[in-house]
Amino acid sequence: MTHNTMTHKTDNTASSTLAQPLAADRDTISQAYQRIQPHIRRTPIVEISAANFGLDIPQLFFKLEFLQHSGSFKGRGAMNNLLARKVPKAGVVAASGGNHGAAVAFAAQKCGVPAKIFVPSVSSPAKQNLIRSYGADLVVGGDLYDDALAASRKWAEESGAMTIHAYDQPETLQGAGTVGLELESQWPEMETLFISVGGGGLLGGIAAWYQGRAKLASDSLAPKRVGELMFPLAQKFVKEVVLVPDSAIQQAQQKLWDVMRVVTEPGGAAAFAALLSGKYKPSAGEKICVLLCGANTTAVKF
């Protein structure tokens, strides 16, 4: 399978959304960071010799966001939702493939509110177990994310719980954008950042922070469509979209383990696959960072 991205319905939605205020910008992302900073980890960046991967570039950094609470960048957006919005007594509800659900469950536990998480049957056991470990009420059902989303919306209507969307929510985008804020302070000289894309919350938030001041090369995990709120941000600020097959992602996972002893889930390795596979051709002297965004997997057992 080849993973595609930036798909969107071909009607007037894209042009109309461009005229609307953007869901995230540098001010709202800075505010989000001040809000969530005491509750998240400032994840490190590391420089690895590109020659170890057979790449001919002078500088290669990795942002180790998989070290974030709950094992992915999703913890930032989840915490921002809980701290920026008024949470009802019924608590919060979320639909997720796994990582967002774990992040919401973690944030809810820290804030002392109940959480109900809906995931499809294809969600990995590792992610389901992680959600349960944070004390959330987990409901597994349906074959697709859309099934979980429909069930979560029904529960929200019945219970009055606050919905936290995985990517199509301003507070989610703003929380994800704090990855960019943090990275800029860690390596201001960076020129190109590789980002994996599912629904687009991470890409949209980081694009809102950099606002075209760095080249953002994205690759996708083949969503049916990206979020409405992130699409105008991507249109305006994302430089390039790269397509990678499953085999390239698997090779990237293996190489990250061989060279760095880092275990990532497929979504976490997808960004590196675009560079390692040669789908993206860096220019001479290009200063590149790859965002490793998640590591919730049962690929390694002890």
C-alpha atoms as a PDB file:
ATOM      1  CA  MET A   1       0.000   0.000   0.000  1.00  0.00           C
ATOM      2  CA  THR A   2       1.180   3.531  -0.698  1.00  0.00           C
ATOM      3  CA  HIS A   3       0.273   6.036   1.990  1.00  0.00           C
ATOM      4  CA  ASN A   4      -1.250   9.229   0.639  1.00  0.00           C
ATOM      5  CA  THR A   5      -2.058  12.525   2.299  1.00  0.00           C
ATOM      6  CA  MET A   6      -3.637  15.923   1.902  1.00  0.00           C
ATOM      7  CA  THR A   7      -6.756  14.344   0.449  1.00  0.00           C
ATOM      8  CA  HIS A   8      -9.803  16.551   0.760  1.00  0.00           C
ATOM      9  CA  LYS A   9     -13.222  16.738  -0.782  1.00  0.00           C
ATOM     10  CA  THR A  10     -13.195  18.719  -4.003  1.00  0.00           C
ATOM     11  CA  ASP A  11     -15.916  21.246  -3.335  1.00  0.00           C
ATOM     12  CA  ASN A  12     -15.925  24.797  -2.030  1.00  0.00           C
ATOM     13  CA  THR A  13     -14.918  23.834   1.514  1.00  0.00           C
ATOM     14  CA  ALA A  14     -11.195  24.407   1.036  1.00  0.00           C
ATOM     15  CA  SER A  15     -11.594  27.856  -0.485  1.00  0.00           C
ATOM     16  CA  SER A  16     -14.149  28.908   2.112  1.00  0.00           C
ATOM     17  CA  THR A  17     -12.067  27.711   5.066  1.00  0.00           C
ATOM     18  CA  LEU A  18      -9.101  29.756   3.873  1.00  0.00           C
ATOM     19  CA  ALA A  19     -11.174  32.886   4.491  1.00  0.00           C
ATOM     20  CA  GLN A  20     -11.827  31.858   8.107  1.00  0.00           C
ATOM     21  CA  PRO A  21      -9.486  32.576  11.035  1.00  0.00           C
ATOM     22  CA  LEU A  22      -6.930  29.806  11.437  1.00  0.00           C
ATOM     23  CA  ALA A  23      -7.562  27.385  14.297  1.00  0.00           C
ATOM     24  CA  ALA A  24      -4.034  27.832  15.658  1.00  0.00           C
ATOM     25  CA  ASP A  25      -1.321  30.476  15.451  1.00  0.00           C
ATOM     26  CA  ARG A  26       1.836  31.404  17.327  1.00  0.00           C
ATOM     27  CA  ASP A  27      -0.065  33.274  20.025  1.00  0.00           C
ATOM     28  CA  THR A  28      -2.533  30.495  20.811  1.00  0.00           C
ATOM     29  CA  ILE A  29       0.234  27.881  20.684  1.00  0.00           C
ATOM     30  CA  SER A  30       2.358  29.932  23.107  1.00  0.00           C
ATOM     31  CA  GLN A  31      -0.629  30.189  25.437  1.00  0.00           C
ATOM     32  CA  ALA A  32      -1.180  26.450  25.175  1.00  0.00           C
ATOM     33  CA  TYR A  33       2.450  25.781  26.064  1.00  0.00           C
ATOM     34  CA  GLN A  34       2.269  27.965  29.158  1.00  0.00           C
ATOM     35  CA  ARG A  35      -0.871  26.071  30.151  1.00  0.00           C
ATOM     36  CA  ILE A  36       0.398  22.522  29.657  1.00  0.00           C
ATOM     37  CA  GLN A  37       4.132  22.899  30.348  1.00  0.00           C
ATOM     38  CA  PRO A  38       3.915  21.783  33.994  1.00  0.00           C
ATOM     39  CA  HIS A  39       2.128  18.593  32.900  1.00  0.00           C
ATOM     40  CA  ILE A  40       4.146  17.426  29.869  1.00  0.00           C
ATOM     41  CA  ARG A  41       7.691  16.383  29.090  1.00  0.00           C
ATOM     42  CA  ARG A  42      10.052  18.590  27.124  1.00  0.00           C
ATOM     43  CA  THR A  43      11.165  15.810  24.805  1.00  0.00           C
ATOM     44  CA  PRO A  44      14.808  15.816  23.690  1.00  0.00           C
ATOM     45  CA  ILE A  45      16.416  16.058  20.290  1.00  0.00           C
ATOM     46  CA  VAL A  46      19.463  13.992  19.382  1.00  0.00           C
ATOM     47  CA  GLU A  47      21.973  14.292  16.544  1.00  0.00           C
ATOM     48  CA  ILE A  48      22.872  11.056  14.773  1.00  0.00           C
ATOM     49  CA  SER A  49      25.449  10.756  12.027  1.00  0.00           C
ATOM     50  CA  ALA A  50      23.479  10.438   8.810  1.00  0.00           C
ATOM     51  CA  ALA A  51      26.197   8.156   7.458  1.00  0.00           C
ATOM     52  CA  ASN A  52      24.974   5.489   9.890  1.00  0.00           C
ATOM     53  CA  PHE A  53      21.798   5.362   7.815  1.00  0.00           C
ATOM     54  CA  GLY A  54      23.592   5.579   4.469  1.00  0.00           C
ATOM     55  CA  LEU A  55      22.453   9.182   3.975  1.00  0.00           C
ATOM     56  CA  ASP A  56      24.655  11.928   2.562  1.00  0.00           C
ATOM     57  CA  ILE A  57      23.575  14.954   4.583  1.00  0.00           C
ATOM     58  CA  PRO A  58      25.656  17.001   7.043  1.00  0.00           C
ATOM     59  CA  GLN A  59      23.238  17.170   9.963  1.00  0.00           C
ATOM     60  CA  LEU A  60      20.425  14.876  11.009  1.00  0.00           C
ATOM     61  CA  PHE A  61      18.474  15.348  14.206  1.00  0.00           C
ATOM     62  CA  PHE A  62      15.585  13.380  15.663  1.00  0.00           C
ATOM     63  CA  LYS A  63      12.939  14.848  17.960  1.00  0.00           C
ATOM     64  CA  LEU A  64      12.070  12.030  20.373  1.00  0.00           C
ATOM     65  CA  GLU A  65       8.438  12.908  20.968  1.00  0.00           C
ATOM     66  CA  PHE A  66       7.572   9.256  21.597  1.00  0.00           C
ATOM     67  CA  LEU A  67       9.051   9.868  25.065  1.00  0.00           C
ATOM     68  CA  GLN A  68       6.024  12.048  25.832  1.00  0.00           C
ATOM     69  CA  HIS A  69       3.510  10.947  28.479  1.00  0.00           C
ATOM     70  CA  SER A  70       1.310   8.112  27.120  1.00  0.00           C
ATOM     71  CA  GLY A  71       3.877   7.369  24.411  1.00  0.00           C
ATOM     72  CA  SER A  72       3.018   9.936  21.744  1.00  0.00           C
ATOM     73  CA  PHE A  73       2.639  13.630  20.969  1.00  0.00           C
ATOM     74  CA  LYS A  74      -1.104  13.296  21.586  1.00  0.00           C
ATOM     75  CA  GLY A  75      -0.639  14.051  25.274  1.00  0.00           C
ATOM     76  CA  ARG A  76      -0.092  17.722  24.478  1.00  0.00           C
ATOM     77  CA  GLY A  77      -3.420  18.268  22.751  1.00  0.00           C
ATOM     78  CA  ALA A  78      -5.341  16.174  25.253  1.00  0.00           C
ATOM     79  CA  MET A  79      -3.982  18.104  28.213  1.00  0.00           C
ATOM     80  CA  ASN A  80      -4.624  21.433  26.509  1.00  0.00           C
ATOM     81  CA  ASN A  81      -8.271  20.479  25.968  1.00  0.00           C
ATOM     82  CA  LEU A  82      -8.761  19.610  29.615  1.00  0.00           C
ATOM     83  CA  LEU A  83      -7.068  22.757  30.891  1.00  0.00           C
ATOM     84  CA  ALA A  84      -8.490  25.233  28.372  1.00  0.00           C
ATOM     85  CA  ARG A  85     -12.121  24.098  28.287  1.00  0.00           C
ATOM     86  CA  LYS A  86     -14.762  23.735  30.988  1.00  0.00           C
ATOM     87  CA  VAL A  87     -15.113  20.030  31.714  1.00  0.00           C
ATOM     88  CA  PRO A  88     -18.622  18.887  32.752  1.00  0.00           C
ATOM     89  CA  LYS A  89     -19.289  16.511  35.638  1.00  0.00           C
ATOM     90  CA  ALA A  90     -19.806  13.731  33.098  1.00  0.00           C
ATOM     91  CA  GLY A  91     -16.147  14.045  32.166  1.00  0.00           C
ATOM     92  CA  VAL A  92     -14.685  13.560  28.715  1.00  0.00           C
ATOM     93  CA  VAL A  93     -15.151  11.184  25.808  1.00  0.00           C
ATOM     94  CA  ALA A  94     -12.925  10.454  22.820  1.00  0.00           C
ATOM     95  CA  ALA A  95     -12.751   8.220  19.773  1.00  0.00           C
ATOM     96  CA  SER A  96      -9.347   6.954  18.816  1.00  0.00           C
ATOM     97  CA  GLY A  97      -7.272   4.428  16.978  1.00  0.00           C
ATOM     98  CA  GLY A  98      -5.319   4.195  20.216  1.00  0.00           C
ATOM     99  CA  ASN A  99      -2.808   6.977  20.866  1.00  0.00           C
ATOM    100  CA  HIS A 100      -5.328   9.798  21.255  1.00  0.00           C
ATOM    101  CA  GLY A 101      -7.404   7.634  23.557  1.00  0.00           C
ATOM    102  CA  ALA A 102      -4.387   6.872  25.733  1.00  0.00           C
ATOM    103  CA  ALA A 103      -3.509  10.565  25.843  1.00  0.00           C
ATOM    104  CA  VAL A 104      -7.029  11.602  26.853  1.00  0.00           C
ATOM    105  CA  ALA A 105      -7.143   8.851  29.473  1.00  0.00           C
ATOM    106  CA  PHE A 106      -3.799  10.006  30.878  1.00  0.00           C
ATOM    107  CA  ALA A 107      -4.799  13.677  30.954  1.00  0.00           C
ATOM    108  CA  ALA A 108      -8.159  12.879  32.515  1.00  0.00           C
ATOM    109  CA  GLN A 109      -6.512  10.823  35.231  1.00  0.00           C
ATOM    110  CA  LYS A 110      -4.126  13.679  36.040  1.00  0.00           C
ATOM    111  CA  CYS A 111      -6.996  16.177  36.153  1.00  0.00           C
ATOM    112  CA  GLY A 112      -9.243  13.889  38.190  1.00  0.00           C
ATOM    113  CA  VAL A 113     -12.121  13.608  35.716  1.00  0.00           C
ATOM    114  CA  PRO A 114     -13.818  10.498  34.276  1.00  0.00           C
ATOM    115  CA  ALA A 115     -12.993   9.447  30.719  1.00  0.00           C
ATOM    116  CA  LYS A 116     -14.717   7.089  28.302  1.00  0.00           C
ATOM    117  CA  ILE A 117     -12.717   6.018  25.267  1.00  0.00           C
ATOM    118  CA  PHE A 118     -14.082   4.311  22.152  1.00  0.00           C
ATOM    119  CA  VAL A 119     -11.693   2.407  19.879  1.00  0.00           C
ATOM    120  CA  PRO A 120     -12.285   0.119  16.882  1.00  0.00           C
ATOM    121  CA  SER A 121     -11.518  -3.587  17.032  1.00  0.00           C
ATOM    122  CA  VAL A 122      -8.349  -3.065  14.949  1.00  0.00           C
ATOM    123  CA  SER A 123      -6.790  -0.941  17.703  1.00  0.00           C
ATOM    124  CA  SER A 124      -3.618  -2.619  18.956  1.00  0.00           C
ATOM    125  CA  PRO A 125      -3.660  -4.515  22.264  1.00  0.00           C
ATOM    126  CA  ALA A 126      -0.756  -2.374  23.475  1.00  0.00           C
ATOM    127  CA  LYS A 127      -2.797   0.794  23.085  1.00  0.00           C
ATOM    128  CA  GLN A 128      -5.925  -0.737  24.589  1.00  0.00           C
ATOM    129  CA  ASN A 129      -3.967  -1.895  27.635  1.00  0.00           C
ATOM    130  CA  LEU A 130      -2.404   1.545  28.014  1.00  0.00           C
ATOM    131  CA  ILE A 131      -5.829   3.217  27.980  1.00  0.00           C
ATOM    132  CA  ARG A 132      -7.085   0.849  30.663  1.00  0.00           C
ATOM    133  CA  SER A 133      -3.973   1.445  32.770  1.00  0.00           C
ATOM    134  CA  TYR A 134      -4.933   5.114  33.111  1.00  0.00           C
ATOM    135  CA  GLY A 135      -8.311   4.194  34.561  1.00  0.00           C
ATOM    136  CA  ALA A 136     -10.515   5.111  31.611  1.00  0.00           C
ATOM    137  CA  ASP A 137     -13.649   3.206  30.639  1.00  0.00           C
ATOM    138  CA  LEU A 138     -12.644   1.553  27.356  1.00  0.00           C
ATOM    139  CA  VAL A 139     -15.222   0.476  24.780  1.00  0.00           C
ATOM    140  CA  VAL A 140     -13.978  -1.659  21.873  1.00  0.00           C
ATOM    141  CA  GLY A 141     -16.339  -2.048  18.926  1.00  0.00           C
ATOM    142  CA  GLY A 142     -16.728  -1.627  15.186  1.00  0.00           C
ATOM    143  CA  ASP A 143     -14.149  -2.260  12.527  1.00  0.00           C
ATOM    144  CA  LEU A 144     -13.167   1.330  11.713  1.00  0.00           C
ATOM    145  CA  TYR A 145     -12.311   4.604  13.415  1.00  0.00           C
ATOM    146  CA  ASP A 146     -15.547   6.065  12.057  1.00  0.00           C
ATOM    147  CA  ASP A 147     -17.475   3.435  14.024  1.00  0.00           C
ATOM    148  CA  ALA A 148     -15.761   4.498  17.232  1.00  0.00           C
ATOM    149  CA  LEU A 149     -16.343   8.154  16.397  1.00  0.00           C
ATOM    150  CA  ALA A 150     -20.077   7.605  15.890  1.00  0.00           C
ATOM    151  CA  ALA A 151     -20.329   5.713  19.176  1.00  0.00           C
ATOM    152  CA  SER A 152     -18.436   8.443  21.037  1.00  0.00           C
ATOM    153  CA  ARG A 153     -20.736  11.133  19.670  1.00  0.00           C
ATOM    154  CA  LYS A 154     -23.779   9.155  20.751  1.00  0.00           C
ATOM    155  CA  TRP A 155     -22.346   8.809  24.244  1.00  0.00           C
ATOM    156  CA  ALA A 156     -21.599  12.540  24.399  1.00  0.00           C
ATOM    157  CA  GLU A 157     -25.214  13.328  23.529  1.00  0.00           C
ATOM    158  CA  GLU A 158     -26.559  10.890  26.112  1.00  0.00           C
ATOM    159  CA  SER A 159     -24.213  11.716  28.970  1.00  0.00           C
ATOM    160  CA  GLY A 160     -23.232  15.343  28.457  1.00  0.00           C
ATOM    161  CA  ALA A 161     -19.538  14.428  28.404  1.00  0.00           C
ATOM    162  CA  MET A 162     -17.136  16.773  26.629  1.00  0.00           C
ATOM    163  CA  THR A 163     -15.828  15.425  23.329  1.00  0.00           C
ATOM    164  CA  ILE A 164     -12.111  15.746  22.682  1.00  0.00           C
ATOM    165  CA  HIS A 165     -11.493  15.231  18.981  1.00  0.00           C
ATOM    166  CA  ALA A 166      -8.242  13.586  17.946  1.00  0.00           C
ATOM    167  CA  TYR A 167      -7.318  16.337  15.469  1.00  0.00           C
ATOM    168  CA  ASP A 168     -10.269  18.509  14.401  1.00  0.00           C
ATOM    169  CA  GLN A 169     -10.415  20.686  17.531  1.00  0.00           C
ATOM    170  CA  PRO A 170      -8.606  24.031  18.002  1.00  0.00           C
ATOM    171  CA  GLU A 171      -7.231  23.069  21.412  1.00  0.00           C
ATOM    172  CA  THR A 172      -5.897  19.815  19.974  1.00  0.00           C
ATOM    173  CA  LEU A 173      -4.125  21.633  17.147  1.00  0.00           C
ATOM    174  CA  GLN A 174      -2.708  24.232  19.505  1.00  0.00           C
ATOM    175  CA  GLY A 175      -1.388  21.563  21.844  1.00  0.00           C
ATOM    176  CA  ALA A 176       0.254  19.706  18.974  1.00  0.00           C
ATOM    177  CA  GLY A 177       1.783  22.980  17.823  1.00  0.00           C
ATOM    178  CA  THR A 178       3.804  23.151  21.024  1.00  0.00           C
ATOM    179  CA  VAL A 179       6.055  20.470  19.521  1.00  0.00           C
ATOM    180  CA  GLY A 180       7.131  23.094  17.000  1.00  0.00           C
ATOM    181  CA  LEU A 181       7.584  25.771  19.659  1.00  0.00           C
ATOM    182  CA  GLU A 182       9.783  23.441  21.672  1.00  0.00           C
ATOM    183  CA  LEU A 183      11.795  22.279  18.671  1.00  0.00           C
ATOM    184  CA  GLU A 184      12.527  25.806  17.489  1.00  0.00           C
ATOM    185  CA  SER A 185      14.036  26.620  20.883  1.00  0.00           C
ATOM    186  CA  GLN A 186      16.133  23.441  20.745  1.00  0.00           C
ATOM    187  CA  TRP A 187      17.455  23.837  17.171  1.00  0.00           C
ATOM    188  CA  PRO A 188      16.705  27.265  15.655  1.00  0.00           C
ATOM    189  CA  GLU A 189      18.867  26.494  12.608  1.00  0.00           C
ATOM    190  CA  MET A 190      16.691  23.630  11.410  1.00  0.00           C
ATOM    191  CA  GLU A 191      15.595  23.985   7.786  1.00  0.00           C
ATOM    192  CA  THR A 192      13.414  20.932   7.108  1.00  0.00           C
ATOM    193  CA  LEU A 193      11.180  18.921   9.420  1.00  0.00           C
ATOM    194  CA  PHE A 194       9.677  15.534   8.526  1.00  0.00           C
ATOM    195  CA  ILE A 195       6.249  14.859  10.047  1.00  0.00           C
ATOM    196  CA  SER A 196       3.917  11.861   9.831  1.00  0.00           C
ATOM    197  CA  VAL A 197       0.295  12.659   8.969  1.00  0.00           C
ATOM    198  CA  GLY A 198      -2.883  10.829   9.930  1.00  0.00           C
ATOM    199  CA  GLY A 199      -5.767  13.202  10.546  1.00  0.00           C
ATOM    200  CA  GLY A 200      -3.306  16.080  10.409  1.00  0.00           C
ATOM    201  CA  GLY A 201      -3.430  17.548  13.910  1.00  0.00           C
ATOM    202  CA  LEU A 202       0.337  17.315  14.400  1.00  0.00           C
ATOM    203  CA  LEU A 203       1.147  18.693  10.967  1.00  0.00           C
ATOM    204  CA  GLY A 204      -1.422  21.478  11.248  1.00  0.00           C
ATOM    205  CA  GLY A 205      -0.263  22.556  14.687  1.00  0.00           C
ATOM    206  CA  ILE A 206       3.438  22.596  13.777  1.00  0.00           C
ATOM    207  CA  ALA A 207       2.689  24.365  10.479  1.00  0.00           C
ATOM    208  CA  ALA A 208       0.818  27.034  12.447  1.00  0.00           C
ATOM    209  CA  TRP A 209       3.884  27.567  14.625  1.00  0.00           C
ATOM    210  CA  TYR A 210       6.517  27.775  11.887  1.00  0.00           C
ATOM    211  CA  GLN A 211       4.266  29.606   9.402  1.00  0.00           C
ATOM    212  CA  GLY A 212       6.462  28.800   6.421  1.00  0.00           C
ATOM    213  CA  ARG A 213       9.777  29.641   8.154  1.00  0.00           C
ATOM    214  CA  ALA A 214      10.880  25.994   7.833  1.00  0.00           C
ATOM    215  CA  LYS A 215      10.205  23.450   5.107  1.00  0.00           C
ATOM    216  CA  LEU A 216       7.671  20.891   6.359  1.00  0.00           C
ATOM    217  CA  ALA A 217       7.806  17.600   4.477  1.00  0.00           C
ATOM    218  CA  SER A 218       4.878  15.376   5.413  1.00  0.00           C
ATOM    219  CA  ASP A 219       3.911  11.794   4.711  1.00  0.00           C
ATOM    220  CA  SER A 220       0.670  10.082   5.546  1.00  0.00           C
ATOM    221  CA  LEU A 221      -0.941   7.057   7.135  1.00  0.00           C
ATOM    222  CA  ALA A 222      -3.753   7.046   4.560  1.00  0.00           C
ATOM    223  CA  PRO A 223      -6.702   8.666   6.321  1.00  0.00           C
ATOM    224  CA  LYS A 224      -9.984   8.885   4.457  1.00  0.00           C
ATOM    225  CA  ARG A 225      -9.577  12.650   4.734  1.00  0.00           C
ATOM    226  CA  VAL A 226      -7.652  15.082   6.898  1.00  0.00           C
ATOM    227  CA  GLY A 227      -9.263  17.479   9.363  1.00  0.00           C
ATOM    228  CA  GLU A 228     -11.162  20.577   8.307  1.00  0.00           C
ATOM    229  CA  LEU A 229      -9.268  22.779  10.761  1.00  0.00           C
ATOM    230  CA  MET A 230      -5.778  21.686   9.752  1.00  0.00           C
ATOM    231  CA  PHE A 231      -6.343  21.776   5.989  1.00  0.00           C
ATOM    232  CA  PRO A 232      -6.072  25.583   5.601  1.00  0.00           C
ATOM    233  CA  LEU A 233      -2.894  25.523   7.685  1.00  0.00           C
ATOM    234  CA  ALA A 234      -1.395  22.824   5.497  1.00  0.00           C
ATOM    235  CA  GLN A 235      -2.412  24.651   2.323  1.00  0.00           C
ATOM    236  CA  LYS A 236      -0.733  27.795   3.523  1.00  0.00           C
ATOM    237  CA  PHE A 237       2.412  26.536   5.237  1.00  0.00           C
ATOM    238  CA  VAL A 238       3.339  22.951   4.236  1.00  0.00           C
ATOM    239  CA  LYS A 239       6.063  22.802   1.617  1.00  0.00           C
ATOM    240  CA  GLU A 240       5.913  19.236   0.332  1.00  0.00           C
ATOM    241  CA  VAL A 241       3.972  15.972   0.627  1.00  0.00           C
ATOM    242  CA  VAL A 242       5.745  12.630   0.257  1.00  0.00           C
ATOM    243  CA  LEU A 243       4.193   9.224  -0.371  1.00  0.00           C
ATOM    244  CA  VAL A 244       5.734   6.099   1.168  1.00  0.00           C
ATOM    245  CA  PRO A 245       4.749   2.405   0.959  1.00  0.00           C
ATOM    246  CA  ASP A 246       4.323   0.081   3.915  1.00  0.00           C
ATOM    247  CA  SER A 247       7.616  -1.637   3.101  1.00  0.00           C
ATOM    248  CA  ALA A 248       9.515   1.645   3.485  1.00  0.00           C
ATOM    249  CA  ILE A 249       7.949   2.217   6.902  1.00  0.00           C
ATOM    250  CA  GLN A 250       8.945  -1.266   8.031  1.00  0.00           C
ATOM    251  CA  GLN A 251      12.496  -0.669   6.820  1.00  0.00           C
ATOM    252  CA  ALA A 252      12.597   2.636   8.701  1.00  0.00           C
ATOM    253  CA  GLN A 253      11.418   0.925  11.895  1.00  0.00           C
ATOM    254  CA  GLN A 254      14.166  -1.691  11.514  1.00  0.00           C
ATOM    255  CA  LYS A 255      16.863   0.899  10.792  1.00  0.00           C
ATOM    256  CA  LEU A 256      15.884   3.022  13.777  1.00  0.00           C
ATOM    257  CA  TRP A 257      16.310  -0.048  15.961  1.00  0.00           C
ATOM    258  CA  ASP A 258      19.573  -1.140  14.351  1.00  0.00           C
ATOM    259  CA  VAL A 259      21.226   2.282  14.592  1.00  0.00           C
ATOM    260  CA  MET A 260      19.588   3.994  17.570  1.00  0.00           C
ATOM    261  CA  ARG A 261      18.007   1.123  19.526  1.00  0.00           C
ATOM    262  CA  VAL A 262      14.730   3.027  19.246  1.00  0.00           C
ATOM    263  CA  VAL A 263      11.425   1.176  18.903  1.00  0.00           C
ATOM    264  CA  THR A 264       8.652   3.086  17.169  1.00  0.00           C
ATOM    265  CA  GLU A 265       5.210   2.139  15.968  1.00  0.00           C
ATOM    266  CA  PRO A 266       4.634   2.367  12.181  1.00  0.00           C
ATOM    267  CA  GLY A 267       3.140   5.860  12.484  1.00  0.00           C
ATOM    268  CA  GLY A 268       6.160   6.926  14.474  1.00  0.00           C
ATOM    269  CA  ALA A 269       8.580   5.727  11.793  1.00  0.00           C
ATOM    270  CA  ALA A 270       6.651   6.944   8.741  1.00  0.00           C
ATOM    271  CA  ALA A 271       8.316  10.359   8.683  1.00  0.00           C
ATOM    272  CA  PHE A 272      11.789   8.819   8.624  1.00  0.00           C
ATOM    273  CA  ALA A 273      10.714   6.442   5.861  1.00  0.00           C
ATOM    274  CA  ALA A 274      10.300   9.380   3.484  1.00  0.00           C
ATOM    275  CA  LEU A 275      13.954  10.312   3.964  1.00  0.00           C
ATOM    276  CA  LEU A 276      15.470   6.845   4.260  1.00  0.00           C
ATOM    277  CA  SER A 277      13.694   5.501   1.163  1.00  0.00           C
ATOM    278  CA  GLY A 278      14.861   8.376  -1.025  1.00  0.00           C
ATOM    279  CA  LYS A 279      11.319   9.590  -1.692  1.00  0.00           C
ATOM    280  CA  TYR A 280      12.557  12.960  -0.493  1.00  0.00           C
ATOM    281  CA  LYS A 281      15.797  14.253  -2.021  1.00  0.00           C
ATOM    282  CA  PRO A 282      17.597  16.644   0.340  1.00  0.00           C
ATOM    283  CA  SER A 283      19.717  19.436  -1.034  1.00  0.00           C
ATOM    284  CA  ALA A 284      23.406  19.806  -0.242  1.00  0.00           C
ATOM    285  CA  GLY A 285      23.895  21.074   3.287  1.00  0.00           C
ATOM    286  CA  GLU A 286      20.209  20.781   4.234  1.00  0.00           C
ATOM    287  CA  LYS A 287      19.658  20.771   7.998  1.00  0.00           C
ATOM    288  CA  ILE A 288      17.053  18.095   8.653  1.00  0.00           C
ATOM    289  CA  CYS A 289      15.078  16.963  11.683  1.00  0.00           C
ATOM    290  CA  VAL A 290      12.771  13.945  11.790  1.00  0.00           C
ATOM    291  CA  LEU A 291       9.929  13.861  14.288  1.00  0.00           C
ATOM    292  CA  LEU A 292       9.459  10.414  15.850  1.00  0.00           C
ATOM    293  CA  CYS A 293       5.970  10.882  17.220  1.00  0.00           C
ATOM    294  CA  GLY A 294       4.837   7.584  18.776  1.00  0.00           C
ATOM    295  CA  ALA A 295       6.047   4.253  20.149  1.00  0.00           C
ATOM    296  CA  ASN A 296       3.025   2.367  21.472  1.00  0.00           C
ATOM    297  CA  THR A 297       3.623  -1.076  20.025  1.00  0.00           C
ATOM    298  CA  THR A 298       3.958  -4.708  21.042  1.00  0.00           C
ATOM    299  CA  ALA A 299       6.732  -5.245  18.498  1.00  0.00           C
ATOM    300  CA  VAL A 300       9.201  -5.778  21.330  1.00  0.00           C
ATOM    301  CA  LYS A 301       8.359  -8.036  24.257  1.00  0.00           C
ATOM    302  CA  PHE A 302      10.397  -8.670  27.387  1.00  0.00           C
END
